[in-house]
Protein backbone atom coordinates (compact mmCIF):
# COMPACT_ATOMS: atom_id res chain seq x y z
CA MET A 1 0.00 0.00 0.00
CA SER A 2 1.47 3.38 -1.02
CA THR A 3 1.85 6.38 1.26
CA VAL A 4 -0.81 8.28 -0.69
CA ILE A 5 -3.36 5.51 -0.18
CA GLU A 6 -2.60 5.34 3.55
CA ILE A 7 -2.96 9.10 3.93
CA VAL A 8 -6.20 9.28 1.97
CA ASN A 9 -7.78 6.33 3.77
CA ARG A 10 -6.83 7.74 7.15
CA CYS A 11 -8.37 11.15 6.41
CA ARG A 12 -11.47 9.60 4.84
CA SER A 13 -12.04 7.54 8.01
CA TYR A 14 -13.05 10.69 9.93
CA ASP A 15 -16.68 11.73 9.81
CA ASP A 16 -15.80 15.33 8.99
CA GLU A 17 -12.83 17.33 7.76
CA LEU A 18 -10.55 18.28 10.62
CA GLU A 19 -8.45 21.43 10.82
CA TRP A 20 -5.28 19.62 9.69
CA PHE A 21 -6.59 18.22 6.39
CA GLU A 22 -8.73 19.52 3.53
CA PHE A 23 -10.44 17.70 0.64
CA LYS A 24 -10.91 19.28 -2.79
CA GLN A 25 -12.86 17.97 -5.76
CA GLY A 26 -11.71 17.98 -9.39
CA THR A 27 -9.56 21.00 -10.17
CA ALA A 28 -10.98 23.17 -7.40
CA LEU A 29 -8.26 25.19 -5.70
CA SER A 30 -5.72 25.28 -8.53
CA LYS A 31 -4.51 28.88 -8.30
CA PRO A 32 -1.00 28.96 -6.78
CA ASP A 33 -1.64 31.82 -4.34
CA ASP A 34 -4.76 30.12 -2.99
CA ILE A 35 -2.72 26.95 -2.46
CA GLY A 36 0.03 28.98 -0.78
CA GLU A 37 -2.46 30.40 1.70
CA TYR A 38 -3.69 26.88 2.46
CA ILE A 39 -0.09 25.78 3.06
CA SER A 40 0.19 28.47 5.72
CA ALA A 41 -3.22 27.74 7.25
CA LEU A 42 -2.81 23.97 7.41
CA SER A 43 0.78 24.16 8.65
CA ASN A 44 -0.30 26.35 11.57
CA ALA A 45 -3.45 24.33 12.27
CA ALA A 46 -1.38 21.14 12.50
CA VAL A 47 0.53 22.64 15.44
CA LEU A 48 -2.61 23.30 17.46
CA ALA A 49 -3.95 19.84 16.59
CA GLY A 50 -0.72 18.18 17.67
CA GLN A 51 -0.16 16.73 14.20
CA PRO A 52 3.35 16.57 12.68
CA VAL A 53 2.00 17.20 9.16
CA ALA A 54 -1.14 18.43 7.43
CA TYR A 55 -2.65 17.45 4.09
CA LEU A 56 -4.36 19.11 1.16
CA ILE A 57 -6.01 16.38 -0.93
CA TRP A 58 -7.50 16.65 -4.41
CA GLY A 59 -9.90 14.02 -5.73
CA VAL A 60 -12.11 13.44 -2.67
CA HIS A 61 -15.55 14.94 -2.02
CA ASN A 62 -15.34 17.19 1.05
CA SER A 63 -18.74 16.15 2.45
CA THR A 64 -19.30 12.51 1.47
CA HIS A 65 -15.56 11.63 1.36
CA GLU A 66 -16.22 9.67 -1.82
CA LEU A 67 -13.40 9.38 -4.35
CA THR A 68 -14.06 11.70 -7.29
CA GLY A 69 -10.67 11.87 -9.00
CA THR A 70 -8.87 15.00 -10.18
CA LYS A 71 -7.08 16.49 -13.17
CA PHE A 72 -5.22 19.00 -11.02
CA ASN A 73 -1.75 19.61 -12.50
CA TYR A 74 0.95 20.48 -10.00
CA GLN A 75 3.70 20.09 -12.62
CA LYS A 76 2.76 23.22 -14.58
CA ASP A 77 4.83 26.39 -14.75
CA ILE A 78 3.89 29.84 -13.48
CA ASP A 79 5.46 32.45 -15.79
CA ASN A 80 8.15 29.93 -16.80
CA GLU A 81 8.80 29.04 -13.17
CA PRO A 82 8.00 25.55 -11.81
CA PHE A 83 4.80 25.51 -9.78
CA GLN A 84 6.38 24.16 -6.58
CA HIS A 85 9.35 26.54 -6.86
CA TYR A 86 6.95 29.48 -7.11
CA LEU A 87 5.18 28.41 -3.91
CA SER A 88 8.46 27.79 -2.08
CA ARG A 89 9.67 31.35 -2.74
CA TYR A 90 6.74 32.83 -0.83
CA VAL A 91 6.38 30.35 2.05
CA SER A 92 8.32 31.43 5.16
CA PRO A 93 10.02 29.99 7.04
CA ALA A 94 10.95 27.47 4.37
CA LEU A 95 9.03 24.18 4.54
CA TYR A 96 9.64 20.90 2.79
CA PHE A 97 6.12 20.46 1.41
CA HIS A 98 5.69 18.06 -1.49
CA PHE A 99 3.10 16.70 -3.90
CA ASP A 100 2.42 12.98 -4.47
CA GLU A 101 -0.24 11.16 -6.43
CA ASP A 102 -1.71 7.70 -6.92
CA VAL A 103 -4.76 5.98 -8.40
CA ILE A 104 -7.25 4.65 -5.87
CA GLU A 105 -10.14 2.51 -7.13
CA GLY A 106 -9.67 3.99 -10.59
CA HIS A 107 -9.56 7.60 -9.38
CA ARG A 108 -6.47 9.81 -9.56
CA VAL A 109 -5.76 11.46 -6.19
CA VAL A 110 -3.15 14.14 -5.43
CA VAL A 111 -1.84 14.76 -1.89
CA LEU A 112 0.10 17.84 -0.78
CA THR A 113 1.95 17.00 2.46
CA ILE A 114 2.67 20.07 4.61
CA PRO A 115 4.91 19.96 7.72
CA ALA A 116 3.62 21.61 10.88
CA ALA A 117 5.07 25.02 11.69
CA ARG A 118 8.19 25.15 13.87
CA ILE A 119 9.54 27.99 16.05
CA VAL A 120 7.26 30.60 14.41
CA PRO A 121 3.97 30.39 12.47
CA THR A 122 4.13 29.64 8.75
CA ALA A 123 3.34 32.57 6.43
CA TYR A 124 2.63 32.96 2.72
CA LYS A 125 3.62 36.25 1.13
CA ASP A 126 4.20 37.60 4.67
CA GLU A 127 0.61 36.80 5.74
CA ARG A 128 -0.11 34.16 8.36
CA TRP A 129 -3.21 32.00 7.94
CA ILE A 130 -5.09 29.52 10.13
CA ARG A 131 -7.92 27.02 9.79
CA ILE A 132 -11.09 27.72 11.81
CA GLY A 133 -13.22 24.63 11.38
CA SER A 134 -13.22 24.09 7.63
CA SER A 135 -12.54 27.75 6.79
CA LYS A 136 -9.23 29.45 5.97
CA GLU A 137 -8.79 32.72 7.86
CA ARG A 138 -6.13 35.36 8.46
CA LEU A 139 -4.45 34.54 11.77
CA LYS A 140 -4.30 38.19 12.89
CA LYS A 141 -8.12 38.23 13.06
CA TYR A 142 -7.94 35.69 15.90
CA PRO A 143 -5.48 36.98 18.52
CA ASP A 144 -6.42 34.24 21.02
CA ARG A 145 -5.51 31.54 18.52
CA GLU A 146 -2.37 33.40 17.56
CA ALA A 147 -1.32 33.55 21.22
CA ALA A 148 -2.16 29.85 21.66
CA LEU A 149 -0.12 29.00 18.56
CA PHE A 150 2.94 30.79 19.91
CA ARG A 151 2.52 29.09 23.31
CA VAL A 152 2.47 25.66 21.68
CA LEU A 153 5.42 26.51 19.43
CA ASN A 154 7.41 27.64 22.47
CA ASN A 155 6.29 25.10 25.09
CA GLY A 156 4.57 22.23 23.30
CA LEU A 157 0.92 21.22 23.57
CA PRO A 158 -0.60 21.67 27.04
CA ASP A 159 -0.48 18.43 29.01
CA LEU A 160 -0.66 17.25 32.61
CA LEU A 161 3.05 17.82 33.14
CA ASN A 162 3.60 21.29 31.67
CA THR A 163 0.29 22.85 32.78
CA GLU A 164 0.37 24.44 36.21
CA SER A 165 -2.11 23.38 38.88
CA ARG A 166 -4.79 25.93 39.63
CA PHE A 167 -4.02 25.44 43.33
CA THR A 168 -0.74 25.93 45.14
CA GLU A 169 -1.53 24.23 48.47
CA LEU A 170 -1.93 20.51 47.79
CA SER A 171 -1.80 17.50 50.13
CA PHE A 172 -1.27 13.86 49.16
CA ASP A 173 -2.33 11.73 52.14
CA GLN A 174 -4.76 9.67 50.04
CA LEU A 175 -2.10 9.06 47.39
CA PHE A 176 0.30 7.61 49.98
CA LEU A 177 -2.46 5.41 51.42
CA TYR A 178 -3.45 4.19 47.96
CA TYR A 179 0.09 3.23 47.06
CA ASP A 180 0.46 1.55 50.44
CA MET A 181 -2.69 -0.52 49.81
CA LYS A 182 -1.09 -1.67 46.55
CA GLY A 183 2.04 -2.74 48.40
CA ILE A 184 4.20 0.13 47.10
CA LYS A 185 5.98 2.60 49.38
CA LEU A 186 6.27 6.20 48.19
CA ASN A 187 9.30 8.15 49.34
CA LYS A 188 8.09 11.41 50.89
CA ARG A 189 11.30 13.19 49.88
CA THR A 190 11.33 12.20 46.23
CA PHE A 191 7.74 11.30 45.23
CA LYS A 192 7.10 14.67 43.58
CA GLN A 193 10.09 14.19 41.29
CA ASN A 194 9.50 10.47 40.72
CA LEU A 195 5.84 10.97 39.78
CA GLU A 196 6.71 14.19 37.83
CA LEU A 197 4.32 16.36 39.82
CA LEU A 198 6.28 19.60 39.27
CA THR A 199 6.65 21.90 36.28
CA PRO A 200 10.16 22.88 35.16
CA SER A 201 9.76 26.01 37.29
CA GLY A 202 9.09 23.89 40.39
CA LYS A 203 5.35 24.52 40.72
CA TYR A 204 2.68 21.85 41.06
CA ASN A 205 1.30 20.70 37.70
CA MET A 206 -2.12 19.35 36.71
CA LEU A 207 -1.05 15.77 37.41
CA ALA A 208 -0.29 16.81 40.99
CA GLN A 209 -3.72 18.43 41.23
CA LEU A 210 -5.39 15.22 40.03
CA LEU A 211 -3.48 13.06 42.52
CA SER A 212 -4.01 15.43 45.45
CA ASP A 213 -6.56 14.93 48.22
CA ASP A 214 -8.98 17.37 46.56
CA PRO A 215 -8.48 18.03 42.81
CA HIS A 216 -11.46 20.45 42.69
CA ILE A 217 -12.68 18.78 39.48
CA PRO A 218 -16.23 17.34 39.66
CA ILE A 219 -16.66 13.70 38.67
CA ARG A 220 -20.29 12.58 38.55
CA PHE A 221 -22.16 9.36 37.91
CA ALA A 222 -25.78 10.25 37.13
CA VAL A 223 -28.63 7.76 36.84
CA PHE A 224 -31.83 8.47 34.88
CA ASN A 225 -34.93 6.27 34.92
CA GLY A 226 -35.61 6.78 31.19
CA LYS A 227 -33.71 6.62 27.92
CA ASP A 228 -32.49 10.22 27.87
CA LYS A 229 -31.84 13.21 30.12
CA THR A 230 -35.40 14.50 29.82
CA SER A 231 -36.42 11.68 32.17
CA THR A 232 -36.25 11.89 35.97
CA MET A 233 -32.80 11.77 37.52
CA TYR A 234 -32.88 8.83 39.90
CA ALA A 235 -29.55 9.45 41.61
CA VAL A 236 -26.22 11.17 41.23
CA ARG A 237 -22.92 10.35 42.84
CA GLU A 238 -20.15 12.91 43.28
CA TYR A 239 -16.60 11.52 43.27
CA GLY A 240 -14.53 14.60 42.50
CA ASN A 241 -13.44 15.59 46.00
CA MET A 242 -10.75 12.92 46.36
CA CYS A 243 -7.56 11.68 44.73
CA VAL A 244 -8.41 10.71 41.17
CA LEU A 245 -7.22 7.14 41.82
CA LEU A 246 -9.88 6.80 44.52
CA SER A 247 -12.46 8.43 42.21
CA LEU A 248 -11.69 5.76 39.62
CA ASP A 249 -12.25 3.01 42.19
CA LYS A 250 -15.53 4.62 43.31
CA VAL A 251 -16.87 4.76 39.74
CA LEU A 252 -15.97 1.10 39.21
CA ASP A 253 -17.64 0.17 42.51
CA PHE A 254 -20.81 2.03 41.57
CA GLY A 255 -20.82 0.15 38.27
CA ASP A 256 -20.90 -3.07 40.30
CA THR A 257 -23.90 -1.68 42.19
CA LEU A 258 -25.75 -1.07 38.93
CA ASN A 259 -24.86 -4.46 37.44
CA VAL A 260 -27.93 -6.24 38.80
CA PRO A 261 -27.80 -10.05 38.34
CA GLN A 262 -30.79 -11.44 36.45
CA ALA A 263 -32.14 -14.91 37.24
CA ASP A 264 -32.24 -16.97 34.04
CA GLU A 265 -34.45 -19.98 34.64
CA ARG A 266 -34.85 -20.90 30.98
CA GLU A 267 -33.87 -24.51 30.39
CA ARG A 268 -33.22 -24.80 34.12
CA LYS A 269 -32.23 -28.29 35.26
CA VAL A 270 -30.63 -28.00 38.68
CA GLU A 271 -29.45 -24.46 39.38
CA ARG A 272 -30.67 -21.28 37.86
CA LYS A 273 -28.17 -19.12 36.00
CA GLU A 274 -27.46 -15.52 36.94
CA VAL A 275 -26.85 -13.21 34.00
CA PRO A 276 -25.27 -9.77 34.63
CA LEU A 277 -26.91 -6.70 33.18
CA PHE A 278 -23.72 -5.79 31.30
CA SER A 279 -20.15 -6.97 30.89
CA LYS A 280 -18.15 -6.00 33.96
CA GLU A 281 -14.87 -6.37 32.02
CA ALA A 282 -15.98 -4.11 29.17
CA PHE A 283 -17.33 -1.52 31.60
CA SER A 284 -14.10 -1.54 33.63
CA GLU A 285 -11.95 -1.12 30.52
CA ALA A 286 -14.11 1.78 29.31
CA VAL A 287 -13.92 3.55 32.68
CA ILE A 288 -10.15 3.10 33.03
CA ASN A 289 -9.62 4.35 29.47
CA ALA A 290 -11.83 7.37 30.16
CA PHE A 291 -9.71 8.35 33.17
CA ALA A 292 -6.41 7.61 31.42
CA HIS A 293 -7.14 9.44 28.16
CA ASN A 294 -9.39 12.29 29.29
CA GLN A 295 -8.29 15.86 28.47
CA TRP A 296 -7.90 16.92 32.10
CA VAL A 297 -5.85 20.05 31.35
CA ASN A 298 -9.01 22.03 30.62
CA GLY A 299 -10.42 21.22 34.04
CA ASP A 300 -12.95 18.82 32.53
CA SER A 301 -13.59 15.30 33.80
CA PRO A 302 -14.99 12.18 32.14
CA MET A 303 -18.76 11.80 32.47
CA PHE A 304 -20.72 8.70 33.43
CA THR A 305 -24.46 8.36 32.86
CA ALA A 306 -26.76 5.37 33.31
CA TYR A 307 -30.10 5.19 31.52
CA GLU A 308 -32.87 2.62 31.41
CA ASP A 309 -31.13 0.62 28.69
CA ARG A 310 -27.42 1.57 28.74
CA ILE A 311 -24.46 3.30 30.36
CA GLU A 312 -22.64 6.07 28.50
CA ILE A 313 -19.02 6.88 29.31
CA VAL A 314 -17.67 10.12 27.86
CA SER A 315 -14.02 11.14 27.86
CA LEU A 316 -13.21 14.66 26.71
CA GLY A 317 -10.74 14.99 23.86
CA THR A 318 -10.10 13.15 20.62
CA LEU A 319 -7.70 10.50 19.36
CA PRO A 320 -4.09 11.56 20.09
CA PRO A 321 -1.73 12.61 17.28
CA GLY A 322 -0.53 9.61 15.32
CA GLN A 323 -3.42 7.40 16.48
CA THR A 324 -5.61 6.04 13.68
CA LYS A 325 -9.03 4.47 14.15
CA GLU A 326 -7.68 1.24 12.72
CA GLY A 327 -4.89 1.18 15.30
CA PHE A 328 -7.30 2.23 18.05
CA PHE A 329 -9.66 -0.67 17.42
CA SER A 330 -6.83 -3.18 17.04
CA GLY A 331 -5.37 -2.25 20.43
CA VAL A 332 -2.37 -0.19 19.33
CA SER A 333 -2.65 2.40 22.07
CA ILE A 334 -1.03 5.83 22.07
CA PRO A 335 -1.57 7.37 25.53
CA VAL A 336 -3.01 10.86 25.78
CA ASN A 337 -1.61 11.31 29.30
CA LYS A 338 1.59 9.28 29.26
CA LYS A 339 2.62 9.72 32.91
CA LEU A 340 -0.87 9.09 34.27
CA SER A 341 -1.03 5.93 32.14
CA GLU A 342 2.33 4.85 33.59
CA ILE A 343 0.99 5.34 37.12
CA LEU A 344 -2.13 3.28 36.37
CA LEU A 345 0.14 0.59 34.97
CA GLN A 346 2.45 0.71 38.00
CA LEU A 347 -0.54 0.25 40.32
CA HIS A 348 -1.87 -2.65 38.21
CA ILE A 349 -5.07 -0.73 37.49
CA SER A 350 -4.43 -1.07 33.77
CA GLU A 351 -2.15 -3.23 31.66
CA LYS A 352 0.06 -2.58 28.66
CA SER A 353 -1.33 -5.40 26.54
CA GLY A 354 -3.62 -3.14 24.50
CA ARG A 355 -6.57 -5.45 25.19
CA GLY A 356 -8.93 -2.78 26.57
CA VAL A 357 -10.57 -1.54 23.37
CA PRO A 358 -10.55 -4.99 21.68
CA ARG A 359 -12.38 -6.39 24.73
CA ILE A 360 -15.12 -3.79 24.38
CA VAL A 361 -15.29 -4.35 20.62
CA HIS A 362 -15.48 -8.13 21.12
CA GLU A 363 -18.40 -7.70 23.51
CA TYR A 364 -20.34 -4.89 21.81
CA GLY A 365 -18.77 -4.20 18.41
CA GLN A 366 -17.16 -1.04 17.06
CA GLN A 367 -20.56 0.67 17.19
CA ALA A 368 -20.05 0.94 20.96
CA PHE A 369 -17.68 3.85 20.18
CA GLU A 370 -18.78 7.25 18.89
CA PHE A 371 -16.12 9.79 17.92
CA LYS A 372 -17.28 13.37 18.32
CA ASP A 373 -15.43 16.62 17.61
CA ASN A 374 -14.32 16.98 21.23
CA ALA A 375 -15.13 13.66 22.92
CA ILE A 376 -15.20 9.89 22.63
CA VAL A 377 -18.39 8.18 23.83
CA VAL A 378 -18.53 4.51 24.81
CA THR A 379 -21.98 2.95 25.14
CA ILE A 380 -22.39 -0.17 27.28
CA PRO A 381 -25.87 -1.59 26.48
CA PHE A 382 -27.87 -3.51 29.04
CA ASN A 383 -28.41 -7.18 28.30
CA ARG A 384 -31.99 -7.74 29.40
CA LEU A 385 -33.23 -11.31 29.36
CA ASP A 386 -35.83 -12.28 26.80
CA LEU A 387 -37.99 -14.83 28.57
CA GLY A 388 -39.72 -15.89 25.37
CA GLY A 389 -43.33 -17.12 25.34
CA THR A 390 -46.30 -15.17 24.02
CA PRO A 391 -47.48 -11.69 24.94
CA SER A 392 -50.34 -13.15 26.96
CA ASP A 393 -48.23 -15.38 29.19
CA THR A 394 -44.96 -13.43 29.35
CA PRO A 395 -44.65 -10.58 31.85
CA ALA A 396 -43.50 -7.27 30.43
CA VAL A 397 -39.78 -6.70 30.66
CA THR A 398 -39.40 -3.72 32.95
CA PRO A 399 -36.38 -1.45 33.11
CA PRO A 400 -33.72 -2.74 35.49
CA VAL A 401 -34.24 -1.65 39.05
CA ILE A 402 -31.23 0.32 40.16
CA PRO A 403 -30.81 -0.23 43.88
CA ALA A 404 -30.42 2.76 46.13
CA VAL A 405 -27.14 3.07 48.00
CA LYS A 406 -27.69 3.33 51.72
CA TYR A 407 -25.69 5.74 53.83
CA GLY A 408 -25.60 6.76 57.42
CA ASP A 409 -28.37 8.75 59.04
CA VAL A 410 -28.86 12.38 58.12
CA ASN A 411 -28.79 14.76 61.05
CA GLU A 412 -31.59 17.23 61.74
CA THR A 413 -29.90 20.07 59.83
CA GLY A 414 -29.26 17.81 56.85
CA GLN A 415 -32.88 16.68 56.77
CA ARG A 416 -34.09 20.30 56.88
CA ILE A 417 -31.83 21.07 53.90
CA LEU A 418 -33.26 18.11 51.97
CA ASP A 419 -36.82 19.19 52.75
CA TYR A 420 -36.16 22.78 51.74
CA CYS A 421 -34.30 21.87 48.52
CA SER A 422 -37.24 20.03 46.96
CA GLU A 423 -36.94 23.03 44.63
CA PRO A 424 -33.54 24.44 43.58
CA ARG A 425 -32.09 26.74 46.24
CA ASN A 426 -28.84 28.69 46.45
CA SER A 427 -26.59 28.72 49.51
CA ARG A 428 -27.84 32.13 50.72
CA GLU A 429 -31.44 30.94 50.61
CA ILE A 430 -30.55 27.77 52.52
CA LEU A 431 -28.55 29.76 55.07
CA GLY A 432 -31.49 32.11 55.68
CA TYR A 433 -33.98 29.23 55.93
CA LEU A 434 -31.86 27.46 58.53
CA GLY A 435 -31.21 30.67 60.44
CA LEU A 436 -27.48 29.99 60.37
CA LYS A 437 -24.68 32.55 60.29
CA ASP A 438 -21.74 30.18 59.80
CA ILE A 439 -21.27 29.53 56.07
CA LYS A 440 -18.50 27.03 56.90
CA ASN A 441 -20.95 24.78 58.75
CA LEU A 442 -23.38 24.96 55.83
CA ARG A 443 -20.67 23.98 53.38
CA GLU A 444 -19.84 20.93 55.48
CA GLN A 445 -23.50 19.92 55.52
CA LEU A 446 -23.83 20.40 51.74
CA LYS A 447 -20.63 18.47 51.09
CA LYS A 448 -21.87 15.50 53.12
CA LEU A 449 -25.23 15.42 51.35
CA LEU A 450 -23.55 15.70 47.94
CA GLU A 451 -21.21 12.82 48.78
CA GLN A 452 -24.18 10.70 49.86
CA GLY A 453 -25.93 11.37 46.58
CA ARG A 454 -28.93 12.90 48.35
CA LEU A 455 -28.29 16.38 47.01
CA ALA A 456 -27.15 17.53 43.57
CA ARG A 457 -25.76 20.72 42.12
CA THR A 458 -27.78 22.35 39.34
CA ILE A 459 -24.50 23.36 37.64
CA PRO A 460 -22.38 20.28 38.37
CA ASP A 461 -19.53 21.18 36.02
CA LYS A 462 -18.94 24.50 37.82
CA PRO A 463 -19.26 23.80 41.55
CA ASN A 464 -18.14 27.33 42.51
CA SER A 465 -20.50 29.14 40.12
CA ARG A 466 -22.19 32.21 41.58
CA ASN A 467 -25.45 30.87 40.12
CA GLN A 468 -25.07 27.46 41.79
CA LYS A 469 -28.16 25.94 43.37
CA TYR A 470 -28.88 22.65 45.11
CA ILE A 471 -31.76 20.22 44.66
CA THR A 472 -32.77 17.11 46.57
CA ILE A 473 -32.45 13.77 44.76
CA LYS A 474 -35.65 11.83 45.31
């Protein structure tokens, strides 16, 4: 298989054009200056996308991704000057871009390979361009993107190691206990260096924030009694106020709670068979992958939602640079958060065999995965038993009953809060209703009720929002 075919097939595998590749039909985009501007735009966009190269491809429909073929001639001269030489004179800094072609299924396809910008943004005729979605725009019109481009060129893409923690005072008691439970002793003098919890300037990074006793990033597991979020929320669990390793364990434990065994007495001879609602192994792999590959640097966490017929697991971010869908499904894993993945491996939470995704695919097929612009969604369907028979003698199959998790007693103040928050209330309203003056005491009460899943935030992704309200989970 030629390089051109590999490139074209990889780009066609995406549902939409991404900012680091562009499809053109026929002879569209044949003027040299237009192509030069695209060289600048795609080269700069590749940097922000974390891609080493970008592509401009002729002979593929930009919407359907069907092969259309092209008669585009990149060998022609411009005023007696070779086409590629003309472009090279005006691209700065100099880039080794090059044209290649091949015939795919009877259609001629041309690929222009464009290296990502280095040190400074790529310009054409002293103008810098960028891709915004599928559009080519002047970079100076978007100062935020220009600033982001320079940051990445100078420091690399933001990741858990080079992004500073939002908090300077962090403690790690839970981390030490977790390692101890796994039979590993952390050295209090050197653990920050060994686990790479500091930026080059010596400040805590985002990995340190995640592993601290309180990362301040909400992690929720919500349960709805219907098939979408318009139905009643049955319960919500908050796991974001603890070391992320403990949060991971809590999510896995709650999955066990939801995985109600079903009694299968069909063809029963001696003992009845218990059938789980879903594959525990597939669910565990999906959860671990969501934690390992989530784009934590933006302060966003993976999301977990159970419905009447399925569980959805959402990790923020897309496939990492260099990762193809083919490689993804076959188990060739490229970690998004390399150090966090190493820690999960060290603690035997995950393994390096690459079996996670293939296990899910084996159980539920590739359709279990949905690739969105900014997230990957894994759907774990519920396996409800079909008892057979006829409609008249077979009881209706009801949605699985999700058992409530029992906690300790609520004190009098906590019960008053639950009664009052049958409608959404903010902290000032609750404070006034209780007749309290100590906001610290109220926060402790709210925190306990949130942890117990008896109370929920109306803006869960922004716990410190000035518009935050609280509502009782019934």
